[in-house]
Every structure is written in C-alpha cells, then in structure tokens.
C-alpha atoms as a PDB file:
ATOM      1  CA  MET A   1      50.918-112.985  37.130  1.00  0.00           C
ATOM      2  CA  SER A   2      49.514-115.145  34.366  1.00  0.00           C
ATOM      3  CA  ARG A   3      49.026-113.816  30.856  1.00  0.00           C
ATOM      4  CA  GLN A   4      45.256-114.101  31.188  1.00  0.00           C
ATOM      5  CA  ALA A   5      45.279-112.146  34.419  1.00  0.00           C
ATOM      6  CA  ALA A   6      47.496-109.480  32.846  1.00  0.00           C
ATOM      7  CA  GLU A   7      45.189-109.091  29.824  1.00  0.00           C
ATOM      8  CA  GLN A   8      42.182-108.800  32.142  1.00  0.00           C
ATOM      9  CA  LYS A   9      43.927-106.057  34.137  1.00  0.00           C
ATOM     10  CA  CYS A  10      44.806-104.101  30.976  1.00  0.00           C
ATOM     11  CA  SER A  11      41.232-104.415  29.786  1.00  0.00           C
ATOM     12  CA  GLU A  12      39.946-102.993  33.079  1.00  0.00           C
ATOM     13  CA  GLU A  13      42.469-100.119  32.906  1.00  0.00           C
ATOM     14  CA  ASP A  14      41.401 -99.283  29.308  1.00  0.00           C
ATOM     15  CA  SER A  15      37.776 -99.312  30.357  1.00  0.00           C
ATOM     16  CA  ALA A  16      38.524 -96.992  33.261  1.00  0.00           C
ATOM     17  CA  ASP A  17      40.452 -94.671  30.941  1.00  0.00           C
ATOM     18  CA  ARG A  18      37.568 -94.517  28.524  1.00  0.00           C
ATOM     19  CA  GLU A  19      35.099 -93.730  31.325  1.00  0.00           C
ATOM     20  CA  ASP A  20      37.362 -90.943  32.619  1.00  0.00           C
ATOM     21  CA  PHE A  21      37.631 -89.492  29.089  1.00  0.00           C
ATOM     22  CA  PHE A  22      33.884 -89.318  28.482  1.00  0.00           C
ATOM     23  CA  ASP A  23      33.269 -87.851  31.953  1.00  0.00           C
ATOM     24  CA  CYS A  24      35.888 -85.228  31.267  1.00  0.00           C
ATOM     25  CA  GLN A  25      34.560 -84.580  27.793  1.00  0.00           C
ATOM     26  CA  GLU A  26      31.060 -84.041  29.102  1.00  0.00           C
ATOM     27  CA  THR A  27      32.396 -81.795  31.810  1.00  0.00           C
ATOM     28  CA  LEU A  28      34.291 -79.738  29.250  1.00  0.00           C
ATOM     29  CA  GLU A  29      31.436 -79.527  26.777  1.00  0.00           C
ATOM     30  CA  HIS A  30      29.025 -77.984  29.272  1.00  0.00           C
ATOM     31  CA  PRO A  31      31.006 -74.808  29.929  1.00  0.00           C
ATOM     32  CA  ASP A  32      31.842 -74.604  26.215  1.00  0.00           C
ATOM     33  CA  ARG A  33      28.173 -74.563  25.361  1.00  0.00           C
ATOM     34  CA  GLY A  34      27.562 -72.028  28.094  1.00  0.00           C
ATOM     35  CA  ASP A  35      30.277 -69.809  26.655  1.00  0.00           C
ATOM     36  CA  GLN A  36      28.810 -70.131  23.213  1.00  0.00           C
ATOM     37  CA  ASP A  37      25.353 -69.368  24.541  1.00  0.00           C
ATOM     38  CA  GLY A  38      26.814 -66.426  26.396  1.00  0.00           C
ATOM     39  CA  ARG A  39      28.471 -65.190  23.244  1.00  0.00           C
ATOM     40  CA  HIS A  40      25.208 -65.553  21.363  1.00  0.00           C
ATOM     41  CA  THR A  41      23.410 -63.665  24.077  1.00  0.00           C
ATOM     42  CA  LYS A  42      25.906 -60.823  23.915  1.00  0.00           C
ATOM     43  CA  THR A  43      25.697 -60.736  20.147  1.00  0.00           C
ATOM     44  CA  ASP A  44      21.923 -60.590  20.283  1.00  0.00           C
ATOM     45  CA  SER A  45      22.022 -57.790  22.821  1.00  0.00           C
ATOM     46  CA  ARG A  46      24.313 -55.769  20.580  1.00  0.00           C
ATOM     47  CA  HIS A  47      21.780 -56.050  17.757  1.00  0.00           C
ATOM     48  CA  GLN A  48      18.826 -54.765  19.814  1.00  0.00           C
ATOM     49  CA  PRO A  49      17.520 -51.373  18.529  1.00  0.00           C
ATOM     50  CA  THR A  50      18.665 -48.500  20.696  1.00  0.00           C
ATOM     51  CA  ASP A  51      15.256 -46.857  20.713  1.00  0.00           C
ATOM     52  CA  ASP A  52      13.400 -49.966  21.863  1.00  0.00           C
ATOM     53  CA  THR A  53      10.668 -48.821  24.203  1.00  0.00           C
ATOM     54  CA  SER A  54      11.129 -51.931  26.345  1.00  0.00           C
ATOM     55  CA  THR A  55      14.750 -51.062  27.255  1.00  0.00           C
ATOM     56  CA  GLU A  56      15.313 -51.137  31.021  1.00  0.00           C
ATOM     57  CA  PRO A  57      17.520 -48.466  32.648  1.00  0.00           C
ATOM     58  CA  THR A  58      20.630 -49.597  34.510  1.00  0.00           C
ATOM     59  CA  GLU A  59      20.600 -49.508  38.303  1.00  0.00           C
ATOM     60  CA  ASP A  60      23.200 -46.750  38.536  1.00  0.00           C
ATOM     61  CA  ALA A  61      21.416 -44.526  35.952  1.00  0.00           C
ATOM     62  CA  GLY A  62      19.457 -42.747  38.669  1.00  0.00           C
ATOM     63  CA  ASP A  63      16.933 -41.150  36.223  1.00  0.00           C
ATOM     64  CA  ASP A  64      13.854 -41.905  34.161  1.00  0.00           C
ATOM     65  CA  SER A  65      15.792 -42.933  31.080  1.00  0.00           C
ATOM     66  CA  ASP A  66      13.210 -45.575  30.241  1.00  0.00           C
ATOM     67  CA  GLY A  67      10.495 -42.952  30.148  1.00  0.00           C
ATOM     68  CA  ASP A  68      12.657 -40.722  27.966  1.00  0.00           C
ATOM     69  CA  LEU A  69      13.249 -43.550  25.527  1.00  0.00           C
ATOM     70  CA  LYS A  70       9.535 -44.159  25.307  1.00  0.00           C
ATOM     71  CA  ASP A  71       8.890 -40.500  24.641  1.00  0.00           C
ATOM     72  CA  PHE A  72      11.498 -40.456  21.901  1.00  0.00           C
ATOM     73  CA  GLY A  73       9.970 -43.516  20.297  1.00  0.00           C
ATOM     74  CA  GLU A  74       6.502 -42.009  20.400  1.00  0.00           C
ATOM     75  CA  VAL A  75       7.704 -38.712  18.967  1.00  0.00           C
ATOM     76  CA  ALA A  76       9.525 -40.414  16.117  1.00  0.00           C
ATOM     77  CA  GLU A  77       6.438 -42.424  15.252  1.00  0.00           C
ATOM     78  CA  ASP A  78       4.240 -39.357  15.528  1.00  0.00           C
ATOM     79  CA  ASP A  79       6.532 -37.387  13.228  1.00  0.00           C
ATOM     80  CA  HIS A  80       6.488 -40.142  10.638  1.00  0.00           C
ATOM     81  CA  GLN A  81       2.688 -40.225  10.612  1.00  0.00           C
ATOM     82  CA  GLU A  82       2.455 -36.457  10.402  1.00  0.00           C
ATOM     83  CA  GLU A  83       4.847 -36.301   7.438  1.00  0.00           C
ATOM     84  CA  GLU A  84       2.756 -38.896   5.591  1.00  0.00           C
ATOM     85  CA  GLU A  85      -0.425 -36.914   6.283  1.00  0.00           C
ATOM     86  CA  GLU A  86       1.235 -33.692   5.066  1.00  0.00           C
ATOM     87  CA  ASN A  87       2.293 -35.407   1.872  1.00  0.00           C
ATOM     88  CA  LEU A  88      -1.269 -36.636   1.280  1.00  0.00           C
ATOM     89  CA  THR A  89      -2.968 -33.351   1.978  1.00  0.00           C
ATOM     90  CA  GLU A  90      -0.586 -30.566   1.092  1.00  0.00           C
ATOM     91  CA  GLY A  91       0.917 -31.579  -2.212  1.00  0.00           C
ATOM     92  CA  GLU A  92       3.585 -29.103  -3.236  1.00  0.00           C
ATOM     93  CA  MET A  93       3.920 -27.248  -0.004  1.00  0.00           C
ATOM     94  CA  GLU A  94       5.996 -27.667   3.167  1.00  0.00           C
ATOM     95  CA  VAL A  95       5.390 -31.364   3.215  1.00  0.00           C
ATOM     96  CA  LYS A  96       8.824 -32.777   3.965  1.00  0.00           C
ATOM     97  CA  VAL A  97       9.125 -31.621   7.502  1.00  0.00           C
ATOM     98  CA  VAL A  98      12.828 -32.178   8.110  1.00  0.00           C
ATOM     99  CA  ASP A  99      14.119 -31.498   4.610  1.00  0.00           C
ATOM    100  CA  ASP A 100      12.163 -28.264   4.165  1.00  0.00           C
ATOM    101  CA  LEU A 101      13.261 -26.507   7.338  1.00  0.00           C
ATOM    102  CA  GLU A 102      15.339 -24.043   5.311  1.00  0.00           C
ATOM    103  CA  GLY A 103      18.626 -25.097   6.831  1.00  0.00           C
ATOM    104  CA  SER A 104      17.449 -24.843  10.416  1.00  0.00           C
ATOM    105  CA  THR A 105      19.371 -27.539  12.272  1.00  0.00           C
ATOM    106  CA  ASN A 106      17.754 -26.704  15.584  1.00  0.00           C
ATOM    107  CA  ALA A 107      14.264 -27.160  14.180  1.00  0.00           C
ATOM    108  CA  SER A 108      15.274 -30.478  12.623  1.00  0.00           C
ATOM    109  CA  VAL A 109      16.632 -31.700  15.946  1.00  0.00           C
ATOM    110  CA  ALA A 110      13.491 -30.492  17.688  1.00  0.00           C
ATOM    111  CA  LEU A 111      11.288 -32.476  15.353  1.00  0.00           C
ATOM    112  CA  THR A 112      13.253 -35.613  16.086  1.00  0.00           C
ATOM    113  CA  PHE A 113      13.700 -35.417  19.840  1.00  0.00           C
ATOM    114  CA  LEU A 114      11.248 -32.972  21.418  1.00  0.00           C
ATOM    115  CA  SER A 115       7.928 -34.110  22.814  1.00  0.00           C
ATOM    116  CA  PRO A 116       4.769 -32.830  21.063  1.00  0.00           C
ATOM    117  CA  GLN A 117       4.142 -30.347  23.867  1.00  0.00           C
ATOM    118  CA  SER A 118       7.712 -29.023  23.622  1.00  0.00           C
ATOM    119  CA  ARG A 119       7.317 -28.657  19.873  1.00  0.00           C
ATOM    120  CA  ARG A 120       4.112 -26.738  20.435  1.00  0.00           C
ATOM    121  CA  LEU A 121       5.865 -24.315  22.795  1.00  0.00           C
ATOM    122  CA  GLU A 122       8.740 -23.880  20.344  1.00  0.00           C
ATOM    123  CA  SER A 123       6.265 -23.126  17.564  1.00  0.00           C
ATOM    124  CA  LEU A 124       4.614 -20.473  19.743  1.00  0.00           C
ATOM    125  CA  THR A 125       8.016 -18.830  20.206  1.00  0.00           C
ATOM    126  CA  LEU A 126       8.434 -18.746  16.431  1.00  0.00           C
ATOM    127  CA  LYS A 127       4.931 -17.295  16.105  1.00  0.00           C
ATOM    128  CA  GLU A 128       5.875 -14.437  18.449  1.00  0.00           C
ATOM    129  CA  GLU A 129       8.983 -13.801  16.358  1.00  0.00           C
ATOM    130  CA  GLY A 130       6.760 -13.610  13.295  1.00  0.00           C
ATOM    131  CA  ASN A 131       4.418 -11.188  15.075  1.00  0.00           C
ATOM    132  CA  CYS A 132       7.355  -8.921  15.917  1.00  0.00           C
ATOM    133  CA  HIS A 133       8.503  -8.904  12.285  1.00  0.00           C
ATOM    134  CA  PHE A 134       4.944  -8.203  11.150  1.00  0.00           C
ATOM    135  CA  LYS A 135       4.517  -5.277  13.556  1.00  0.00           C
ATOM    136  CA  ASN A 136       7.780  -3.849  12.242  1.00  0.00           C
ATOM    137  CA  GLY A 137       6.316  -4.100   8.728  1.00  0.00           C
ATOM    138  CA  GLY A 138       6.336  -1.346   6.186  1.00  0.00           C
ATOM    139  CA  GLU A 139       9.128  -2.991   4.283  1.00  0.00           C
ATOM    140  CA  LEU A 140       8.990  -6.149   2.211  1.00  0.00           C
ATOM    141  CA  HIS A 141      11.882  -7.567   4.236  1.00  0.00           C
ATOM    142  CA  HIS A 142       9.939  -7.601   7.526  1.00  0.00           C
ATOM    143  CA  TRP A 143       6.875  -9.240   6.029  1.00  0.00           C
ATOM    144  CA  SER A 144       9.063 -11.851   4.383  1.00  0.00           C
ATOM    145  CA  LEU A 145      10.710 -12.646   7.732  1.00  0.00           C
ATOM    146  CA  ALA A 146       7.277 -12.853   9.365  1.00  0.00           C
ATOM    147  CA  GLU A 147       6.092 -15.289   6.684  1.00  0.00           C
ATOM    148  CA  GLN A 148       9.185 -17.455   7.199  1.00  0.00           C
ATOM    149  CA  SER A 149       8.687 -17.516  10.983  1.00  0.00           C
ATOM    150  CA  TYR A 150       5.046 -18.591  10.634  1.00  0.00           C
ATOM    151  CA  THR A 151       6.051 -21.264   8.132  1.00  0.00           C
ATOM    152  CA  GLN A 152       8.670 -22.755  10.456  1.00  0.00           C
ATOM    153  CA  ALA A 153       6.214 -22.614  13.352  1.00  0.00           C
ATOM    154  CA  LEU A 154       3.707 -24.597  11.284  1.00  0.00           C
ATOM    155  CA  ARG A 155       6.331 -27.219  10.537  1.00  0.00           C
ATOM    156  CA  LEU A 156       7.077 -27.615  14.228  1.00  0.00           C
ATOM    157  CA  CYS A 157       3.553 -27.492  15.638  1.00  0.00           C
ATOM    158  CA  PRO A 158       2.019 -31.013  15.827  1.00  0.00           C
ATOM    159  CA  ARG A 159      -1.255 -31.531  14.028  1.00  0.00           C
ATOM    160  CA  ARG A 160      -3.094 -32.342  17.231  1.00  0.00           C
ATOM    161  CA  PHE A 161      -2.932 -28.658  18.229  1.00  0.00           C
ATOM    162  CA  SER A 162      -5.467 -27.535  15.642  1.00  0.00           C
ATOM    163  CA  GLN A 163      -6.310 -24.172  17.234  1.00  0.00           C
ATOM    164  CA  GLU A 164      -2.680 -23.063  17.309  1.00  0.00           C
ATOM    165  CA  ARG A 165      -2.192 -24.166  13.715  1.00  0.00           C
ATOM    166  CA  ALA A 166      -5.320 -22.264  12.639  1.00  0.00           C
ATOM    167  CA  VAL A 167      -3.877 -19.038  14.080  1.00  0.00           C
ATOM    168  CA  LEU A 168      -0.541 -19.661  12.358  1.00  0.00           C
ATOM    169  CA  PHE A 169      -2.232 -20.180   8.988  1.00  0.00           C
ATOM    170  CA  SER A 170      -4.261 -17.005   9.419  1.00  0.00           C
ATOM    171  CA  ASN A 171      -1.189 -14.990  10.434  1.00  0.00           C
ATOM    172  CA  ARG A 172       0.776 -16.275   7.477  1.00  0.00           C
ATOM    173  CA  ALA A 173      -2.113 -15.302   5.206  1.00  0.00           C
ATOM    174  CA  ALA A 174      -1.815 -11.719   6.479  1.00  0.00           C
ATOM    175  CA  ALA A 175       1.924 -11.695   5.735  1.00  0.00           C
ATOM    176  CA  ARG A 176       1.357 -13.138   2.274  1.00  0.00           C
ATOM    177  CA  LEU A 177      -1.245 -10.470   1.552  1.00  0.00           C
ATOM    178  CA  HIS A 178       1.461  -7.813   2.006  1.00  0.00           C
ATOM    179  CA  LEU A 179       3.826  -9.879  -0.124  1.00  0.00           C
ATOM    180  CA  GLU A 180       1.233  -9.789  -2.946  1.00  0.00           C
ATOM    181  CA  ARG A 181       0.826 -13.567  -2.669  1.00  0.00           C
ATOM    182  CA  LYS A 182      -2.925 -13.244  -2.394  1.00  0.00           C
ATOM    183  CA  ASP A 183      -3.857 -16.639  -3.806  1.00  0.00           C
ATOM    184  CA  ASP A 184      -1.548 -18.280  -1.262  1.00  0.00           C
ATOM    185  CA  GLY A 185      -3.128 -16.116   1.426  1.00  0.00           C
ATOM    186  CA  ILE A 186      -6.605 -17.327   0.440  1.00  0.00           C
ATOM    187  CA  ALA A 187      -5.371 -20.930   0.639  1.00  0.00           C
ATOM    188  CA  ASP A 188      -3.960 -20.317   4.136  1.00  0.00           C
ATOM    189  CA  CYS A 189      -7.245 -18.792   5.330  1.00  0.00           C
ATOM    190  CA  SER A 190      -9.140 -21.770   3.950  1.00  0.00           C
ATOM    191  CA  ARG A 191      -6.875 -24.157   5.830  1.00  0.00           C
ATOM    192  CA  ALA A 192      -7.340 -22.145   9.021  1.00  0.00           C
ATOM    193  CA  LEU A 193     -11.116 -22.397   8.580  1.00  0.00           C
ATOM    194  CA  GLU A 194     -10.899 -26.132   8.009  1.00  0.00           C
ATOM    195  CA  LEU A 195      -9.293 -26.383  11.446  1.00  0.00           C
ATOM    196  CA  ASN A 196     -11.652 -23.862  13.047  1.00  0.00           C
ATOM    197  CA  PRO A 197     -14.810 -23.096  11.022  1.00  0.00           C
ATOM    198  CA  ASP A 198     -15.855 -20.340  13.463  1.00  0.00           C
ATOM    199  CA  TYR A 199     -12.569 -18.440  13.227  1.00  0.00           C
ATOM    200  CA  VAL A 200     -13.989 -14.984  12.416  1.00  0.00           C
ATOM    201  CA  LYS A 201     -10.644 -13.291  11.804  1.00  0.00           C
ATOM    202  CA  ALA A 202      -9.612 -15.873   9.190  1.00  0.00           C
ATOM    203  CA  LEU A 203     -13.052 -15.621   7.572  1.00  0.00           C
ATOM    204  CA  LEU A 204     -12.862 -11.823   7.429  1.00  0.00           C
ATOM    205  CA  ARG A 205      -9.312 -11.964   6.061  1.00  0.00           C
ATOM    206  CA  ARG A 206     -10.326 -14.381   3.319  1.00  0.00           C
ATOM    207  CA  ALA A 207     -13.269 -12.132   2.411  1.00  0.00           C
ATOM    208  CA  GLU A 208     -10.908  -9.170   2.020  1.00  0.00           C
ATOM    209  CA  LEU A 209      -8.564 -11.257  -0.132  1.00  0.00           C
ATOM    210  CA  TYR A 210     -11.465 -12.425  -2.308  1.00  0.00           C
ATOM    211  CA  GLU A 211     -12.552  -8.812  -2.776  1.00  0.00           C
ATOM    212  CA  GLN A 212      -9.034  -7.707  -3.693  1.00  0.00           C
ATOM    213  CA  THR A 213      -8.787 -10.486  -6.285  1.00  0.00           C
ATOM    214  CA  GLU A 214     -12.159  -9.535  -7.866  1.00  0.00           C
ATOM    215  CA  GLN A 215     -13.929 -12.648  -6.584  1.00  0.00           C
ATOM    216  CA  LEU A 216     -16.820 -10.556  -5.361  1.00  0.00           C
ATOM    217  CA  GLU A 217     -19.457 -13.268  -4.995  1.00  0.00           C
ATOM    218  CA  LYS A 218     -17.155 -15.337  -2.773  1.00  0.00           C
ATOM    219  CA  ALA A 219     -16.212 -12.203  -0.817  1.00  0.00           C
ATOM    220  CA  LEU A 220     -19.869 -11.370  -0.186  1.00  0.00           C
ATOM    221  CA  ASP A 221     -20.549 -14.919   0.958  1.00  0.00           C
ATOM    222  CA  ASP A 222     -17.689 -14.759   3.488  1.00  0.00           C
ATOM    223  CA  TYR A 223     -18.737 -11.308   4.741  1.00  0.00           C
ATOM    224  CA  GLN A 224     -22.248 -12.625   5.345  1.00  0.00           C
ATOM    225  CA  LYS A 225     -20.826 -15.560   7.309  1.00  0.00           C
ATOM    226  CA  VAL A 226     -18.800 -13.106   9.400  1.00  0.00           C
ATOM    227  CA  LEU A 227     -21.966 -11.174  10.291  1.00  0.00           C
ATOM    228  CA  GLU A 228     -23.737 -14.406  11.220  1.00  0.00           C
ATOM    229  CA  ARG A 229     -20.979 -15.157  13.730  1.00  0.00           C
ATOM    230  CA  ASP A 230     -20.314 -11.596  14.875  1.00  0.00           C
ATOM    231  CA  PRO A 231     -22.945  -8.966  13.974  1.00  0.00           C
ATOM    232  CA  LYS A 232     -20.731  -6.226  15.417  1.00  0.00           C
ATOM    233  CA  GLN A 233     -18.219  -6.520  12.589  1.00  0.00           C
ATOM    234  CA  THR A 234     -18.808  -3.143  10.938  1.00  0.00           C
ATOM    235  CA  ALA A 235     -16.390  -3.797   8.063  1.00  0.00           C
ATOM    236  CA  ALA A 236     -18.359  -6.890   7.099  1.00  0.00           C
ATOM    237  CA  GLY A 237     -21.646  -4.990   7.351  1.00  0.00           C
ATOM    238  CA  GLN A 238     -20.372  -2.214   5.082  1.00  0.00           C
ATOM    239  CA  ALA A 239     -19.106  -4.773   2.573  1.00  0.00           C
ATOM    240  CA  CYS A 240     -22.480  -6.541   2.517  1.00  0.00           C
ATOM    241  CA  ALA A 241     -24.106  -3.176   1.721  1.00  0.00           C
ATOM    242  CA  ARG A 242     -21.798  -2.206  -1.140  1.00  0.00           C
ATOM    243  CA  LEU A 243     -20.892  -5.503  -2.805  1.00  0.00           C
ATOM    244  CA  PRO A 244     -24.304  -6.423  -4.305  1.00  0.00           C
ATOM    245  CA  GLN A 245     -24.251  -3.324  -6.499  1.00  0.00           C
ATOM    246  CA  GLN A 246     -20.656  -3.971  -7.505  1.00  0.00           C
ATOM    247  CA  ILE A 247     -21.523  -7.571  -8.361  1.00  0.00           C
ATOM    248  CA  HIS A 248     -24.455  -6.384 -10.513  1.00  0.00           C
ATOM    249  CA  GLU A 249     -22.287  -3.866 -12.354  1.00  0.00           C
ATOM    250  CA  LYS A 250     -19.607  -6.468 -12.899  1.00  0.00           C
ATOM    251  CA  ASN A 251     -22.105  -8.966 -14.311  1.00  0.00           C
ATOM    252  CA  GLU A 252     -23.591  -6.351 -16.641  1.00  0.00           C
ATOM    253  CA  LYS A 253     -20.138  -5.459 -17.861  1.00  0.00           C
ATOM    254  CA  LEU A 254     -19.333  -9.114 -18.519  1.00  0.00           C
ATOM    255  CA  LYS A 255     -22.656  -9.519 -20.303  1.00  0.00           C
ATOM    256  CA  ALA A 256     -21.954  -6.535 -22.558  1.00  0.00           C
ATOM    257  CA  GLU A 257     -18.509  -7.862 -23.361  1.00  0.00           C
ATOM    258  CA  MET A 258     -19.951 -11.271 -24.201  1.00  0.00           C
ATOM    259  CA  LEU A 259     -22.634  -9.777 -26.464  1.00  0.00           C
ATOM    260  CA  GLY A 260     -19.995  -7.681 -28.194  1.00  0.00           C
ATOM    261  CA  LYS A 261     -17.953 -10.773 -28.949  1.00  0.00           C
ATOM    262  CA  LEU A 262     -21.041 -12.606 -30.193  1.00  0.00           C
ATOM    263  CA  LYS A 263     -21.868  -9.638 -32.440  1.00  0.00           C
ATOM    264  CA  ASP A 264     -18.419  -9.699 -33.965  1.00  0.00           C
ATOM    265  CA  LEU A 265     -18.730 -13.418 -34.560  1.00  0.00           C
ATOM    266  CA  GLY A 266     -22.198 -12.954 -36.079  1.00  0.00           C
ATOM    267  CA  ASN A 267     -20.971 -10.279 -38.501  1.00  0.00           C
ATOM    268  CA  LEU A 268     -18.172 -12.606 -39.587  1.00  0.00           C
ATOM    269  CA  VAL A 269     -20.675 -15.374 -40.345  1.00  0.00           C
ATOM    270  CA  LEU A 270     -23.348 -13.122 -41.978  1.00  0.00           C
ATOM    271  CA  ARG A 271     -21.065 -11.013 -44.171  1.00  0.00           C
ATOM    272  CA  PRO A 272     -20.923 -13.531 -47.042  1.00  0.00           C
ATOM    273  CA  PHE A 273     -24.753 -13.308 -47.215  1.00  0.00           C
ATOM    274  CA  GLY A 274     -24.806  -9.509 -47.339  1.00  0.00           C
ATOM    275  CA  LEU A 275     -26.169  -9.337 -43.816  1.00  0.00           C
ATOM    276  CA  SER A 276     -24.931  -8.144 -40.441  1.00  0.00           C
ATOM    277  CA  THR A 277     -26.072  -8.294 -36.866  1.00  0.00           C
ATOM    278  CA  SER A 278     -27.717  -4.918 -37.445  1.00  0.00           C
ATOM    279  CA  ASN A 279     -30.413  -6.850 -39.280  1.00  0.00           C
ATOM    280  CA  PHE A 280     -31.277  -8.568 -36.010  1.00  0.00           C
ATOM    281  CA  GLN A 281     -32.821  -6.968 -32.979  1.00  0.00           C
ATOM    282  CA  VAL A 282     -32.224  -8.443 -29.538  1.00  0.00           C
ATOM    283  CA  ASN A 283     -34.888  -7.805 -26.927  1.00  0.00           C
ATOM    284  CA  GLN A 284     -34.843  -8.822 -23.278  1.00  0.00           C
ATOM    285  CA  ASP A 285     -37.991  -9.882 -21.475  1.00  0.00           C
ATOM    286  CA  ALA A 286     -38.146  -7.840 -18.267  1.00  0.00           C
ATOM    287  CA  ALA A 287     -40.210 -10.480 -16.500  1.00  0.00           C
ATOM    288  CA  THR A 288     -38.044 -13.521 -17.215  1.00  0.00           C
ATOM    289  CA  GLY A 289     -34.719 -11.974 -18.202  1.00  0.00           C
ATOM    290  CA  SER A 290     -34.640 -14.083 -21.358  1.00  0.00           C
ATOM    291  CA  TYR A 291     -33.731 -12.739 -24.795  1.00  0.00           C
ATOM    292  CA  SER A 292     -35.518 -12.911 -28.134  1.00  0.00           C
ATOM    293  CA  ILE A 293     -33.996 -12.142 -31.548  1.00  0.00           C
ATOM    294  CA  ASN A 294     -36.060 -10.570 -34.337  1.00  0.00           C
ATOM    295  CA  PHE A 295     -35.071  -9.989 -37.963  1.00  0.00           C
ATOM    296  CA  VAL A 296     -35.277  -6.352 -39.061  1.00  0.00           C
ATOM    297  CA  ASN A 297     -35.572  -5.469 -42.760  1.00  0.00           C
ATOM    298  CA  LYS A 298     -33.981  -2.045 -43.046  1.00  0.00           C
ATOM    299  CA  ALA A 299     -35.508   0.483 -45.359  1.00  0.00           C
ATOM    300  CA  GLY A 300     -33.892   0.398 -48.783  1.00  0.00           C
ATOM    301  CA  ASP A 301     -32.669  -3.141 -48.310  1.00  0.00           C
ATOM    302  CA  THR A 302     -33.623  -5.611 -50.965  1.00  0.00           C
END
C-alpha cells in the first residue's frame, strides 16, 4: 500500500471515529437531560403545598381525600377571614380565636380542621354544657363555668350562623349578670340584637340590665320595644308603667343637686361683695319650664 493510500485510509478511519463519538454523545446526552428533568420534576413535586386544593388522590386511596383537602383549605381560609373580622370589630375581647381558647387543645384543633357545620354542632354542645352549669347556679362557680362554656362556644361557632351566635351572646349576658359584670352583659345583649334585632329575650334582658345600672331612660326604651314585638310581656308592661315616675324623680333629684352646687358656687363668688344667693330669687315658669332670677333686697340691708 502506498503512503498516500495509507494516509487516506487513516483519514477515513478518523472521520468514522469522530462520527461514532458524536452519535454516542448525543445518545448519552438525551437520557442525561431526561434524568435531570426527572429530578427537577421530583424536586418541584416535593415543594408543592400539602393543602393544595388541586391535589389528586392516588388510585389506591379508595376515599374522597381530594374533597377532604378542599374542605380543609376552605376552613382554613374561612378561619383566617373570621379572625380578621373579630379583630376589626371586637377590639379587646376574644379576638384571637386559637390563642384565646384558654388552653383547650381540642377546640384549637377543631377550628383548624373541622368544617363550619361541624364547628357549629360542637358549639351547640358547649352551649348545652353552659346551660347545665347555669341551671345548677346558686354559686358563683357554676355561673363562671357557664360563662366560660358560652365563650368557647362563641369562638367555635362560625359567623355565618348568626342566629346561634345571637343566642350564645344572650345566654352569656345572663351569666355575666349573676357575676356582677353588668356592663359586659349589656354589651353581649347589644351584640345579640345586632345579629337578630327582633330577639325579644335579649331585648328584655338588656332592659333589665339597664334598669339595674340606673340607666332608666334606656331601660324604658327597651321595655317599650319589647311590648311592640310582644304585647303579652307582662314584665315589660309593668316596667313601662313604673319607670316614667322613677325617671321624673331621678331628674328632679339631679336638678336639685345641680342647683345646690350652683348655689355654693354663687355664694363663693358673691361673698367678697357682701352678697349671697339668698339675695336672688329663682322662679320657674310653669308654662315653659324656664327659670328667671330676681334680685331681692332684704329688709335691713343697706
């Protein structure tokens, strides 16, 4: 074989080797990229949120796990919205739903995982517990337990169940009345009436609390509203008959106290001039109720 022929053969062999190398390299790169893509896919799947509502159940699950996941997601979102609304509307009170459950782990778990309807049923169970404590009242301890049960029931009961929450607020107001927390009881009745303006029992309870805290005008107004909704309420009728006179006597007493204070102040101002309020006569006009002041020169005065 000539040298030229030999060089040509080597050149052809090198070319063939290079073609085999690139074919092999391309063949190798394809599965490598697939593996990398596969690894990326697995990594991405590990980073998917576990409560994603689009998660599909596995074939061998044999249950409605997808539906459960959706429920859990909806409940969590609902809870978050409710906590924000509590914070906006309730200020100091039982706003932080999970943190303020007084150490009740079960209630905290319920808020996180139970459906709204299940939470409603659980709150009704707590309400019945509160009713039992209240019926066993007579001691501060029982009323305190009743108040705690109603409070936990309110924290569990979703806001959409306004009628149930109205009853819970009214019941807690009754417990707080016995605990001498009358201002808190009035606030609970007001919140019950915001949820159900025609709730006669809450209206009557607030009227009684107003009367016991000497807010007679507000009490009379509530009693009158009770009679508008239920004319058969004898307690409200009796209150409407007696309160106007009590309100009049209270106003007259306040008026006398105010005039007494003004008289003392007047004497303090007039003393340097050798005068007193006795030198002035106050007369009330029966027709208008207004007052006029006249100077009186006492006999012997200079």
